[in-house]
Amino acid sequence: MQTLECYFFRYGFNTTLAGISNSDLENLYSKFIEFINRYQWLPQLFVLFMFFWLTAFNMGLNQMTISGSFATFYWTRYTNISKKLKNDMPTFTVLGSFARAIFYHLGTLAFGSLLIAIVKIIRVIIEFVSNRLKSRNQDSRLVKAVSCLCKCCFWCLERFLKFLNRYAFILTAIYSKNFCRAASKAFKLITNNVLRVVLVDNMSSFILFLSNLSITGIIGVLSFYFFTKKLPFDSLTSYSPDLNYYFLPMGSIIIGVFFLCKLFFDVFSMGVDTMLMCVLVDLDENDGSQER
């Protein structure tokens, strides 16, 4: 069986780096390429790890931007000017929250997303080892039990880190603290108000899920009547195309509407969690008096 190697490095290879002789550089580069050709799974694993890291980073940046906007709305004071309440909300709240996340909290986002990426890559390695043992018929009952236990533990750890990161980013948007201090504060608030957090989180998730299904169902029914030309409006029926098989466009519309609604309601979900944490922080630090 012929072994495939990487020869692309020979094209356009430049050895004119300052401080290093050409022979030394060529020797070092040849050893590096030889190492990559021998262990090609290492760069593939690195690319997968960076994909997990950047995906988690992007999600964390979105969460911190949204939570910063809602937190700004909650903590903005109202002033009484000529018997009329006037707030001091900034003009570009979302852009301001995004700028704060970019200029002040990139380290927090990178560290929180790094933890999730590490757990994800460990899960991939465990799955790969389990499949290799299964293909070689070396997966005994003990190996299966250990593999299943590891998969379950790291899945739970990943879910916990995602949950903790979500609230840690909210606390970072409120206090501008680093990841460890924000995560510690968020964990303390959640443990002291477990019933409130569980009730609000589950109720809001259930209501948003029902809203998503309702909108998707309504759009699905309307698309069915539109493509079958059963709408009671002649002006709309004239725009309906003649289709032999209308389930494909109708299914595409339903799937697209479902994911669009999910993205839209994810913003509401993040807003609910942010307002909940703001209320918990307010109750923990203030008592309604003029001093607090």
C-alpha atoms as a PDB file:
ATOM      1  CA  MET A   1       0.000   0.000   0.000  1.00  0.00           C
ATOM      2  CA  GLN A   2       1.449   3.360  -1.048  1.00  0.00           C
ATOM      3  CA  THR A   3       1.887   5.979   1.665  1.00  0.00           C
ATOM      4  CA  LEU A   4       0.717   9.494   0.802  1.00  0.00           C
ATOM      5  CA  GLU A   5       2.923  12.343   1.928  1.00  0.00           C
ATOM      6  CA  CYS A   6       2.676  16.115   1.841  1.00  0.00           C
ATOM      7  CA  TYR A   7       4.857  17.686  -0.883  1.00  0.00           C
ATOM      8  CA  PHE A   8       3.109  21.041  -1.000  1.00  0.00           C
ATOM      9  CA  PHE A   9       5.713  22.604   1.310  1.00  0.00           C
ATOM     10  CA  ARG A  10       8.335  22.444  -1.456  1.00  0.00           C
ATOM     11  CA  TYR A  11       6.524  25.016  -3.602  1.00  0.00           C
ATOM     12  CA  GLY A  12       7.437  28.589  -2.799  1.00  0.00           C
ATOM     13  CA  PHE A  13       9.604  27.606   0.170  1.00  0.00           C
ATOM     14  CA  ASN A  14      11.535  30.610   1.410  1.00  0.00           C
ATOM     15  CA  THR A  15      14.607  30.192   3.608  1.00  0.00           C
ATOM     16  CA  THR A  16      15.572  33.860   3.882  1.00  0.00           C
ATOM     17  CA  LEU A  17      14.607  34.304   7.530  1.00  0.00           C
ATOM     18  CA  ALA A  18      16.766  36.610   9.606  1.00  0.00           C
ATOM     19  CA  GLY A  19      19.162  34.964  12.027  1.00  0.00           C
ATOM     20  CA  ILE A  20      18.820  31.408  10.715  1.00  0.00           C
ATOM     21  CA  SER A  21      21.026  29.798   8.107  1.00  0.00           C
ATOM     22  CA  ASN A  22      19.457  28.133   5.108  1.00  0.00           C
ATOM     23  CA  SER A  23      20.730  24.654   5.911  1.00  0.00           C
ATOM     24  CA  ASP A  24      19.521  24.774   9.501  1.00  0.00           C
ATOM     25  CA  LEU A  25      16.122  26.041   8.435  1.00  0.00           C
ATOM     26  CA  GLU A  26      15.750  23.438   5.737  1.00  0.00           C
ATOM     27  CA  ASN A  27      16.758  20.692   8.151  1.00  0.00           C
ATOM     28  CA  LEU A  28      14.302  21.899  10.799  1.00  0.00           C
ATOM     29  CA  TYR A  29      11.501  22.291   8.280  1.00  0.00           C
ATOM     30  CA  SER A  30      12.144  18.837   6.811  1.00  0.00           C
ATOM     31  CA  LYS A  31      11.953  17.259  10.263  1.00  0.00           C
ATOM     32  CA  PHE A  32       8.717  19.099  10.937  1.00  0.00           C
ATOM     33  CA  ILE A  33       7.144  17.884   7.686  1.00  0.00           C
ATOM     34  CA  GLU A  34       8.369  14.356   8.387  1.00  0.00           C
ATOM     35  CA  PHE A  35       6.742  14.503  11.811  1.00  0.00           C
ATOM     36  CA  ILE A  36       3.454  15.751  10.306  1.00  0.00           C
ATOM     37  CA  ASN A  37       3.508  13.008   7.662  1.00  0.00           C
ATOM     38  CA  ARG A  38       4.051  10.392  10.335  1.00  0.00           C
ATOM     39  CA  TYR A  39       1.356  11.698  12.705  1.00  0.00           C
ATOM     40  CA  GLN A  40      -1.232  13.263  10.406  1.00  0.00           C
ATOM     41  CA  TRP A  41      -3.958  12.948  13.017  1.00  0.00           C
ATOM     42  CA  LEU A  42      -2.340  15.695  15.122  1.00  0.00           C
ATOM     43  CA  PRO A  43      -3.065  18.636  12.744  1.00  0.00           C
ATOM     44  CA  GLN A  44      -6.534  17.211  12.107  1.00  0.00           C
ATOM     45  CA  LEU A  45      -7.150  17.100  15.849  1.00  0.00           C
ATOM     46  CA  PHE A  46      -5.821  20.642  16.195  1.00  0.00           C
ATOM     47  CA  VAL A  47      -8.147  21.944  13.448  1.00  0.00           C
ATOM     48  CA  LEU A  48     -11.121  20.249  15.131  1.00  0.00           C
ATOM     49  CA  PHE A  49     -10.126  21.715  18.496  1.00  0.00           C
ATOM     50  CA  MET A  50      -9.874  25.221  17.005  1.00  0.00           C
ATOM     51  CA  PHE A  51     -13.284  24.755  15.385  1.00  0.00           C
ATOM     52  CA  PHE A  52     -14.809  23.912  18.780  1.00  0.00           C
ATOM     53  CA  TRP A  53     -12.999  26.827  20.411  1.00  0.00           C
ATOM     54  CA  LEU A  54     -14.035  29.426  17.822  1.00  0.00           C
ATOM     55  CA  THR A  55     -17.628  28.173  17.804  1.00  0.00           C
ATOM     56  CA  ALA A  56     -17.870  28.450  21.595  1.00  0.00           C
ATOM     57  CA  PHE A  57     -16.141  31.851  21.460  1.00  0.00           C
ATOM     58  CA  ASN A  58     -18.628  33.159  18.904  1.00  0.00           C
ATOM     59  CA  MET A  59     -21.551  31.926  20.993  1.00  0.00           C
ATOM     60  CA  GLY A  60     -20.089  33.500  24.125  1.00  0.00           C
ATOM     61  CA  LEU A  61     -19.592  36.817  22.331  1.00  0.00           C
ATOM     62  CA  ASN A  62     -23.238  36.812  21.259  1.00  0.00           C
ATOM     63  CA  GLN A  63     -24.373  36.000  24.791  1.00  0.00           C
ATOM     64  CA  MET A  64     -22.256  38.732  26.372  1.00  0.00           C
ATOM     65  CA  THR A  65     -23.420  41.317  23.828  1.00  0.00           C
ATOM     66  CA  ILE A  66     -27.105  40.538  24.401  1.00  0.00           C
ATOM     67  CA  SER A  67     -26.747  40.304  28.175  1.00  0.00           C
ATOM     68  CA  GLY A  68     -24.856  43.603  28.279  1.00  0.00           C
ATOM     69  CA  SER A  69     -27.711  45.318  26.430  1.00  0.00           C
ATOM     70  CA  PHE A  70     -30.393  43.987  28.787  1.00  0.00           C
ATOM     71  CA  ALA A  71     -28.256  44.693  31.863  1.00  0.00           C
ATOM     72  CA  THR A  72     -27.799  48.290  30.707  1.00  0.00           C
ATOM     73  CA  PHE A  73     -31.559  48.635  30.457  1.00  0.00           C
ATOM     74  CA  TYR A  74     -32.073  47.212  33.975  1.00  0.00           C
ATOM     75  CA  TRP A  75     -29.422  49.271  35.772  1.00  0.00           C
ATOM     76  CA  THR A  76     -30.151  52.596  34.042  1.00  0.00           C
ATOM     77  CA  ARG A  77     -31.512  55.111  36.527  1.00  0.00           C
ATOM     78  CA  TYR A  78     -34.576  57.269  35.952  1.00  0.00           C
ATOM     79  CA  THR A  79     -34.429  60.965  36.827  1.00  0.00           C
ATOM     80  CA  ASN A  80     -37.418  63.161  37.637  1.00  0.00           C
ATOM     81  CA  ILE A  81     -37.259  66.209  35.358  1.00  0.00           C
ATOM     82  CA  SER A  82     -40.230  68.610  35.660  1.00  0.00           C
ATOM     83  CA  LYS A  83     -42.467  65.835  37.026  1.00  0.00           C
ATOM     84  CA  LYS A  84     -41.626  63.537  34.111  1.00  0.00           C
ATOM     85  CA  LEU A  85     -39.523  60.437  34.367  1.00  0.00           C
ATOM     86  CA  LYS A  86     -36.600  60.405  31.973  1.00  0.00           C
ATOM     87  CA  ASN A  87     -34.089  57.614  31.671  1.00  0.00           C
ATOM     88  CA  ASP A  88     -30.411  57.911  30.846  1.00  0.00           C
ATOM     89  CA  MET A  89     -30.258  55.044  28.380  1.00  0.00           C
ATOM     90  CA  PRO A  90     -27.381  55.316  25.888  1.00  0.00           C
ATOM     91  CA  THR A  91     -28.235  55.742  22.234  1.00  0.00           C
ATOM     92  CA  PHE A  92     -26.440  52.689  20.829  1.00  0.00           C
ATOM     93  CA  THR A  93     -26.908  50.113  23.579  1.00  0.00           C
ATOM     94  CA  VAL A  94     -26.164  46.996  21.532  1.00  0.00           C
ATOM     95  CA  LEU A  95     -23.123  48.510  19.829  1.00  0.00           C
ATOM     96  CA  GLY A  96     -21.845  49.723  23.177  1.00  0.00           C
ATOM     97  CA  SER A  97     -22.250  46.274  24.694  1.00  0.00           C
ATOM     98  CA  PHE A  98     -20.470  44.714  21.724  1.00  0.00           C
ATOM     99  CA  ALA A  99     -17.616  47.222  22.011  1.00  0.00           C
ATOM    100  CA  ARG A 100     -17.184  46.503  25.743  1.00  0.00           C
ATOM    101  CA  ALA A 101     -17.064  42.769  25.063  1.00  0.00           C
ATOM    102  CA  ILE A 102     -14.459  43.239  22.327  1.00  0.00           C
ATOM    103  CA  PHE A 103     -12.197  45.747  24.074  1.00  0.00           C
ATOM    104  CA  TYR A 104     -12.428  44.570  27.714  1.00  0.00           C
ATOM    105  CA  HIS A 105     -13.643  40.960  27.931  1.00  0.00           C
ATOM    106  CA  LEU A 106     -11.947  38.990  25.155  1.00  0.00           C
ATOM    107  CA  GLY A 107      -9.855  37.111  27.734  1.00  0.00           C
ATOM    108  CA  THR A 108     -12.970  36.099  29.654  1.00  0.00           C
ATOM    109  CA  LEU A 109     -14.652  34.900  26.474  1.00  0.00           C
ATOM    110  CA  ALA A 110     -11.545  33.026  25.342  1.00  0.00           C
ATOM    111  CA  PHE A 111     -11.060  31.281  28.682  1.00  0.00           C
ATOM    112  CA  GLY A 112     -14.700  30.257  29.054  1.00  0.00           C
ATOM    113  CA  SER A 113     -14.891  28.947  25.494  1.00  0.00           C
ATOM    114  CA  LEU A 114     -11.546  27.169  25.946  1.00  0.00           C
ATOM    115  CA  LEU A 115     -12.982  25.061  28.768  1.00  0.00           C
ATOM    116  CA  ILE A 116     -15.875  23.964  26.574  1.00  0.00           C
ATOM    117  CA  ALA A 117     -13.531  23.209  23.656  1.00  0.00           C
ATOM    118  CA  ILE A 118     -11.292  21.044  25.873  1.00  0.00           C
ATOM    119  CA  VAL A 119     -14.255  19.000  27.093  1.00  0.00           C
ATOM    120  CA  LYS A 120     -15.558  18.621  23.536  1.00  0.00           C
ATOM    121  CA  ILE A 121     -12.221  17.393  22.193  1.00  0.00           C
ATOM    122  CA  ILE A 122     -11.931  14.916  25.077  1.00  0.00           C
ATOM    123  CA  ARG A 123     -15.366  13.565  24.156  1.00  0.00           C
ATOM    124  CA  VAL A 124     -14.237  13.186  20.534  1.00  0.00           C
ATOM    125  CA  ILE A 125     -11.097  11.300  21.615  1.00  0.00           C
ATOM    126  CA  ILE A 126     -13.136   8.980  23.841  1.00  0.00           C
ATOM    127  CA  GLU A 127     -15.556   8.306  20.988  1.00  0.00           C
ATOM    128  CA  PHE A 128     -12.666   7.639  18.590  1.00  0.00           C
ATOM    129  CA  VAL A 129     -10.952   5.212  20.977  1.00  0.00           C
ATOM    130  CA  SER A 130     -14.263   3.442  21.630  1.00  0.00           C
ATOM    131  CA  ASN A 131     -14.890   2.987  17.880  1.00  0.00           C
ATOM    132  CA  ARG A 132     -11.349   1.707  17.291  1.00  0.00           C
ATOM    133  CA  LEU A 133     -11.688  -0.863  20.051  1.00  0.00           C
ATOM    134  CA  LYS A 134     -15.055  -1.903  18.670  1.00  0.00           C
ATOM    135  CA  SER A 135     -13.630  -2.350  15.168  1.00  0.00           C
ATOM    136  CA  ARG A 136     -10.830  -4.559  16.543  1.00  0.00           C
ATOM    137  CA  ASN A 137     -13.249  -6.608  18.660  1.00  0.00           C
ATOM    138  CA  GLN A 138     -11.468  -5.561  21.852  1.00  0.00           C
ATOM    139  CA  ASP A 139     -14.437  -3.925  23.547  1.00  0.00           C
ATOM    140  CA  SER A 140     -15.199  -6.146  26.503  1.00  0.00           C
ATOM    141  CA  ARG A 141     -17.965  -5.449  28.963  1.00  0.00           C
ATOM    142  CA  LEU A 142     -15.583  -3.610  31.253  1.00  0.00           C
ATOM    143  CA  VAL A 143     -14.330  -1.417  28.390  1.00  0.00           C
ATOM    144  CA  LYS A 144     -17.908  -0.677  27.303  1.00  0.00           C
ATOM    145  CA  ALA A 145     -18.874   0.251  30.870  1.00  0.00           C
ATOM    146  CA  VAL A 146     -15.858   2.540  31.312  1.00  0.00           C
ATOM    147  CA  SER A 147     -16.434   4.140  27.893  1.00  0.00           C
ATOM    148  CA  CYS A 148     -20.116   4.734  28.608  1.00  0.00           C
ATOM    149  CA  LEU A 149     -19.275   6.188  32.033  1.00  0.00           C
ATOM    150  CA  CYS A 150     -16.688   8.563  30.543  1.00  0.00           C
ATOM    151  CA  LYS A 151     -19.071   9.689  27.812  1.00  0.00           C
ATOM    152  CA  CYS A 152     -21.822  10.360  30.330  1.00  0.00           C
ATOM    153  CA  CYS A 153     -19.520  12.242  32.731  1.00  0.00           C
ATOM    154  CA  PHE A 154     -18.017  14.491  30.069  1.00  0.00           C
ATOM    155  CA  TRP A 155     -21.433  15.131  28.512  1.00  0.00           C
ATOM    156  CA  CYS A 156     -22.720  16.283  31.900  1.00  0.00           C
ATOM    157  CA  LEU A 157     -19.561  18.351  32.411  1.00  0.00           C
ATOM    158  CA  GLU A 158     -20.040  20.040  29.040  1.00  0.00           C
ATOM    159  CA  ARG A 159     -23.679  20.849  29.814  1.00  0.00           C
ATOM    160  CA  PHE A 160     -22.667  22.255  33.213  1.00  0.00           C
ATOM    161  CA  LEU A 161     -19.899  24.400  31.698  1.00  0.00           C
ATOM    162  CA  LYS A 162     -22.275  25.796  29.077  1.00  0.00           C
ATOM    163  CA  PHE A 163     -24.800  26.606  31.822  1.00  0.00           C
ATOM    164  CA  LEU A 164     -22.126  28.197  34.027  1.00  0.00           C
ATOM    165  CA  ASN A 165     -20.565  30.127  31.145  1.00  0.00           C
ATOM    166  CA  ARG A 166     -23.933  31.592  30.240  1.00  0.00           C
ATOM    167  CA  TYR A 167     -24.443  33.107  33.689  1.00  0.00           C
ATOM    168  CA  ALA A 168     -20.754  33.959  34.122  1.00  0.00           C
ATOM    169  CA  PHE A 169     -20.874  36.045  30.942  1.00  0.00           C
ATOM    170  CA  ILE A 170     -23.982  37.785  32.276  1.00  0.00           C
ATOM    171  CA  LEU A 171     -22.165  38.663  35.509  1.00  0.00           C
ATOM    172  CA  THR A 172     -19.180  39.831  33.482  1.00  0.00           C
ATOM    173  CA  ALA A 173     -21.467  42.135  31.491  1.00  0.00           C
ATOM    174  CA  ILE A 174     -22.863  43.524  34.773  1.00  0.00           C
ATOM    175  CA  TYR A 175     -19.718  43.818  36.922  1.00  0.00           C
ATOM    176  CA  SER A 176     -16.906  43.697  34.312  1.00  0.00           C
ATOM    177  CA  LYS A 177     -15.241  40.971  36.360  1.00  0.00           C
ATOM    178  CA  ASN A 178     -12.935  38.256  35.063  1.00  0.00           C
ATOM    179  CA  PHE A 179     -14.223  34.774  34.317  1.00  0.00           C
ATOM    180  CA  CYS A 180     -13.333  33.100  37.620  1.00  0.00           C
ATOM    181  CA  ARG A 181     -14.824  35.827  39.816  1.00  0.00           C
ATOM    182  CA  ALA A 182     -17.934  36.111  37.643  1.00  0.00           C
ATOM    183  CA  ALA A 183     -18.426  32.325  37.615  1.00  0.00           C
ATOM    184  CA  SER A 184     -17.990  32.173  41.391  1.00  0.00           C
ATOM    185  CA  LYS A 185     -20.524  34.983  41.900  1.00  0.00           C
ATOM    186  CA  ALA A 186     -22.979  33.390  39.473  1.00  0.00           C
ATOM    187  CA  PHE A 187     -22.664  29.973  41.139  1.00  0.00           C
ATOM    188  CA  LYS A 188     -23.269  31.542  44.555  1.00  0.00           C
ATOM    189  CA  LEU A 189     -26.368  33.402  43.366  1.00  0.00           C
ATOM    190  CA  ILE A 190     -27.756  30.302  41.652  1.00  0.00           C
ATOM    191  CA  THR A 191     -27.226  28.037  44.669  1.00  0.00           C
ATOM    192  CA  ASN A 192     -28.851  30.598  46.972  1.00  0.00           C
ATOM    193  CA  ASN A 193     -31.872  30.925  44.652  1.00  0.00           C
ATOM    194  CA  VAL A 194     -32.195  27.455  43.141  1.00  0.00           C
ATOM    195  CA  LEU A 195     -36.001  27.409  43.024  1.00  0.00           C
ATOM    196  CA  ARG A 196     -36.254  30.804  41.363  1.00  0.00           C
ATOM    197  CA  VAL A 197     -33.655  29.953  38.739  1.00  0.00           C
ATOM    198  CA  VAL A 198     -35.149  26.542  37.937  1.00  0.00           C
ATOM    199  CA  LEU A 199     -38.711  27.880  37.800  1.00  0.00           C
ATOM    200  CA  VAL A 200     -37.938  30.886  35.612  1.00  0.00           C
ATOM    201  CA  ASP A 201     -35.596  28.949  33.320  1.00  0.00           C
ATOM    202  CA  ASN A 202     -37.977  26.051  32.737  1.00  0.00           C
ATOM    203  CA  MET A 203     -41.081  28.203  32.386  1.00  0.00           C
ATOM    204  CA  SER A 204     -39.455  30.602  29.945  1.00  0.00           C
ATOM    205  CA  SER A 205     -38.000  27.726  27.890  1.00  0.00           C
ATOM    206  CA  PHE A 206     -41.394  26.007  27.754  1.00  0.00           C
ATOM    207  CA  ILE A 207     -43.261  29.173  26.769  1.00  0.00           C
ATOM    208  CA  LEU A 208     -40.718  30.072  24.082  1.00  0.00           C
ATOM    209  CA  PHE A 209     -40.812  26.517  22.727  1.00  0.00           C
ATOM    210  CA  LEU A 210     -44.614  26.633  22.496  1.00  0.00           C
ATOM    211  CA  SER A 211     -44.386  30.023  20.795  1.00  0.00           C
ATOM    212  CA  ASN A 212     -41.909  28.613  18.290  1.00  0.00           C
ATOM    213  CA  LEU A 213     -44.166  25.657  17.534  1.00  0.00           C
ATOM    214  CA  SER A 214     -47.220  27.899  17.224  1.00  0.00           C
ATOM    215  CA  ILE A 215     -45.592  30.253  14.743  1.00  0.00           C
ATOM    216  CA  THR A 216     -44.131  27.365  12.750  1.00  0.00           C
ATOM    217  CA  GLY A 217     -47.509  25.608  12.680  1.00  0.00           C
ATOM    218  CA  ILE A 218     -49.356  28.727  11.539  1.00  0.00           C
ATOM    219  CA  ILE A 219     -46.829  29.363   8.760  1.00  0.00           C
ATOM    220  CA  GLY A 220     -47.040  25.693   7.752  1.00  0.00           C
ATOM    221  CA  VAL A 221     -50.835  25.799   7.481  1.00  0.00           C
ATOM    222  CA  LEU A 222     -50.734  29.062   5.512  1.00  0.00           C
ATOM    223  CA  SER A 223     -48.118  27.669   3.135  1.00  0.00           C
ATOM    224  CA  PHE A 224     -50.267  24.571   2.597  1.00  0.00           C
ATOM    225  CA  TYR A 225     -53.313  26.663   1.690  1.00  0.00           C
ATOM    226  CA  PHE A 226     -51.154  28.907  -0.479  1.00  0.00           C
ATOM    227  CA  PHE A 227     -49.564  26.141  -2.547  1.00  0.00           C
ATOM    228  CA  THR A 228     -52.861  24.253  -2.901  1.00  0.00           C
ATOM    229  CA  LYS A 229     -54.657  27.477  -3.957  1.00  0.00           C
ATOM    230  CA  LYS A 230     -57.248  27.171  -1.207  1.00  0.00           C
ATOM    231  CA  LEU A 231     -56.869  30.665   0.202  1.00  0.00           C
ATOM    232  CA  PRO A 232     -60.141  32.650   0.296  1.00  0.00           C
ATOM    233  CA  PHE A 233     -58.412  35.611  -1.388  1.00  0.00           C
ATOM    234  CA  ASP A 234     -58.305  35.580  -5.174  1.00  0.00           C
ATOM    235  CA  SER A 235     -55.560  38.201  -5.270  1.00  0.00           C
ATOM    236  CA  LEU A 236     -53.228  35.886  -3.348  1.00  0.00           C
ATOM    237  CA  THR A 237     -54.308  32.732  -5.122  1.00  0.00           C
ATOM    238  CA  SER A 238     -53.204  34.185  -8.448  1.00  0.00           C
ATOM    239  CA  TYR A 239     -49.585  34.303  -7.167  1.00  0.00           C
ATOM    240  CA  SER A 240     -49.597  30.611  -6.210  1.00  0.00           C
ATOM    241  CA  PRO A 241     -47.450  28.552  -8.637  1.00  0.00           C
ATOM    242  CA  ASP A 242     -48.670  25.365 -10.273  1.00  0.00           C
ATOM    243  CA  LEU A 243     -46.834  22.539  -8.488  1.00  0.00           C
ATOM    244  CA  ASN A 244     -47.109  18.790  -8.902  1.00  0.00           C
ATOM    245  CA  TYR A 245     -45.461  18.164  -5.536  1.00  0.00           C
ATOM    246  CA  TYR A 246     -45.923  20.962  -3.005  1.00  0.00           C
ATOM    247  CA  PHE A 247     -44.576  19.132   0.069  1.00  0.00           C
ATOM    248  CA  LEU A 248     -40.944  19.992  -0.723  1.00  0.00           C
ATOM    249  CA  PRO A 249     -41.328  23.824  -0.737  1.00  0.00           C
ATOM    250  CA  MET A 250     -43.748  23.615   2.165  1.00  0.00           C
ATOM    251  CA  GLY A 251     -41.274  21.509   4.171  1.00  0.00           C
ATOM    252  CA  SER A 252     -38.444  23.900   3.348  1.00  0.00           C
ATOM    253  CA  ILE A 253     -40.529  26.846   4.580  1.00  0.00           C
ATOM    254  CA  ILE A 254     -41.461  25.046   7.807  1.00  0.00           C
ATOM    255  CA  ILE A 255     -37.851  24.078   8.581  1.00  0.00           C
ATOM    256  CA  GLY A 256     -36.586  27.571   7.776  1.00  0.00           C
ATOM    257  CA  VAL A 257     -39.261  29.252   9.896  1.00  0.00           C
ATOM    258  CA  PHE A 258     -38.557  26.910  12.821  1.00  0.00           C
ATOM    259  CA  PHE A 259     -34.837  27.749  12.915  1.00  0.00           C
ATOM    260  CA  LEU A 260     -35.426  31.456  12.358  1.00  0.00           C
ATOM    261  CA  CYS A 261     -37.901  31.515  15.240  1.00  0.00           C
ATOM    262  CA  LYS A 262     -35.437  29.606  17.392  1.00  0.00           C
ATOM    263  CA  LEU A 263     -32.736  32.197  16.733  1.00  0.00           C
ATOM    264  CA  PHE A 264     -35.223  34.984  17.437  1.00  0.00           C
ATOM    265  CA  PHE A 265     -36.459  33.441  20.697  1.00  0.00           C
ATOM    266  CA  ASP A 266     -32.908  32.693  21.831  1.00  0.00           C
ATOM    267  CA  VAL A 267     -32.515  36.450  22.197  1.00  0.00           C
ATOM    268  CA  PHE A 268     -35.592  36.528  24.441  1.00  0.00           C
ATOM    269  CA  SER A 269     -34.242  33.572  26.425  1.00  0.00           C
ATOM    270  CA  MET A 270     -30.945  35.364  26.997  1.00  0.00           C
ATOM    271  CA  GLY A 271     -32.856  38.485  27.998  1.00  0.00           C
ATOM    272  CA  VAL A 272     -34.921  36.542  30.540  1.00  0.00           C
ATOM    273  CA  ASP A 273     -31.802  35.008  32.093  1.00  0.00           C
ATOM    274  CA  THR A 274     -30.084  38.395  32.185  1.00  0.00           C
ATOM    275  CA  MET A 275     -33.022  40.094  33.883  1.00  0.00           C
ATOM    276  CA  LEU A 276     -33.221  37.214  36.368  1.00  0.00           C
ATOM    277  CA  MET A 277     -29.557  37.583  37.308  1.00  0.00           C
ATOM    278  CA  CYS A 278     -29.957  41.363  37.573  1.00  0.00           C
ATOM    279  CA  VAL A 279     -32.869  40.858  39.972  1.00  0.00           C
ATOM    280  CA  LEU A 280     -30.871  38.357  42.051  1.00  0.00           C
ATOM    281  CA  VAL A 281     -27.911  40.744  42.209  1.00  0.00           C
ATOM    282  CA  ASP A 282     -30.252  43.592  43.147  1.00  0.00           C
ATOM    283  CA  LEU A 283     -31.829  41.547  45.940  1.00  0.00           C
ATOM    284  CA  ASP A 284     -28.424  40.420  47.182  1.00  0.00           C
ATOM    285  CA  GLU A 285     -26.796  43.846  47.308  1.00  0.00           C
ATOM    286  CA  ASN A 286     -29.700  46.274  47.853  1.00  0.00           C
ATOM    287  CA  ASP A 287     -32.586  46.454  50.332  1.00  0.00           C
ATOM    288  CA  GLY A 288     -34.614  49.380  48.963  1.00  0.00           C
ATOM    289  CA  SER A 289     -33.250  51.998  51.348  1.00  0.00           C
ATOM    290  CA  GLN A 290     -31.648  55.249  50.247  1.00  0.00           C
ATOM    291  CA  GLU A 291     -28.218  53.993  51.241  1.00  0.00           C
ATOM    292  CA  ARG A 292     -28.676  50.679  49.350  1.00  0.00           C
END
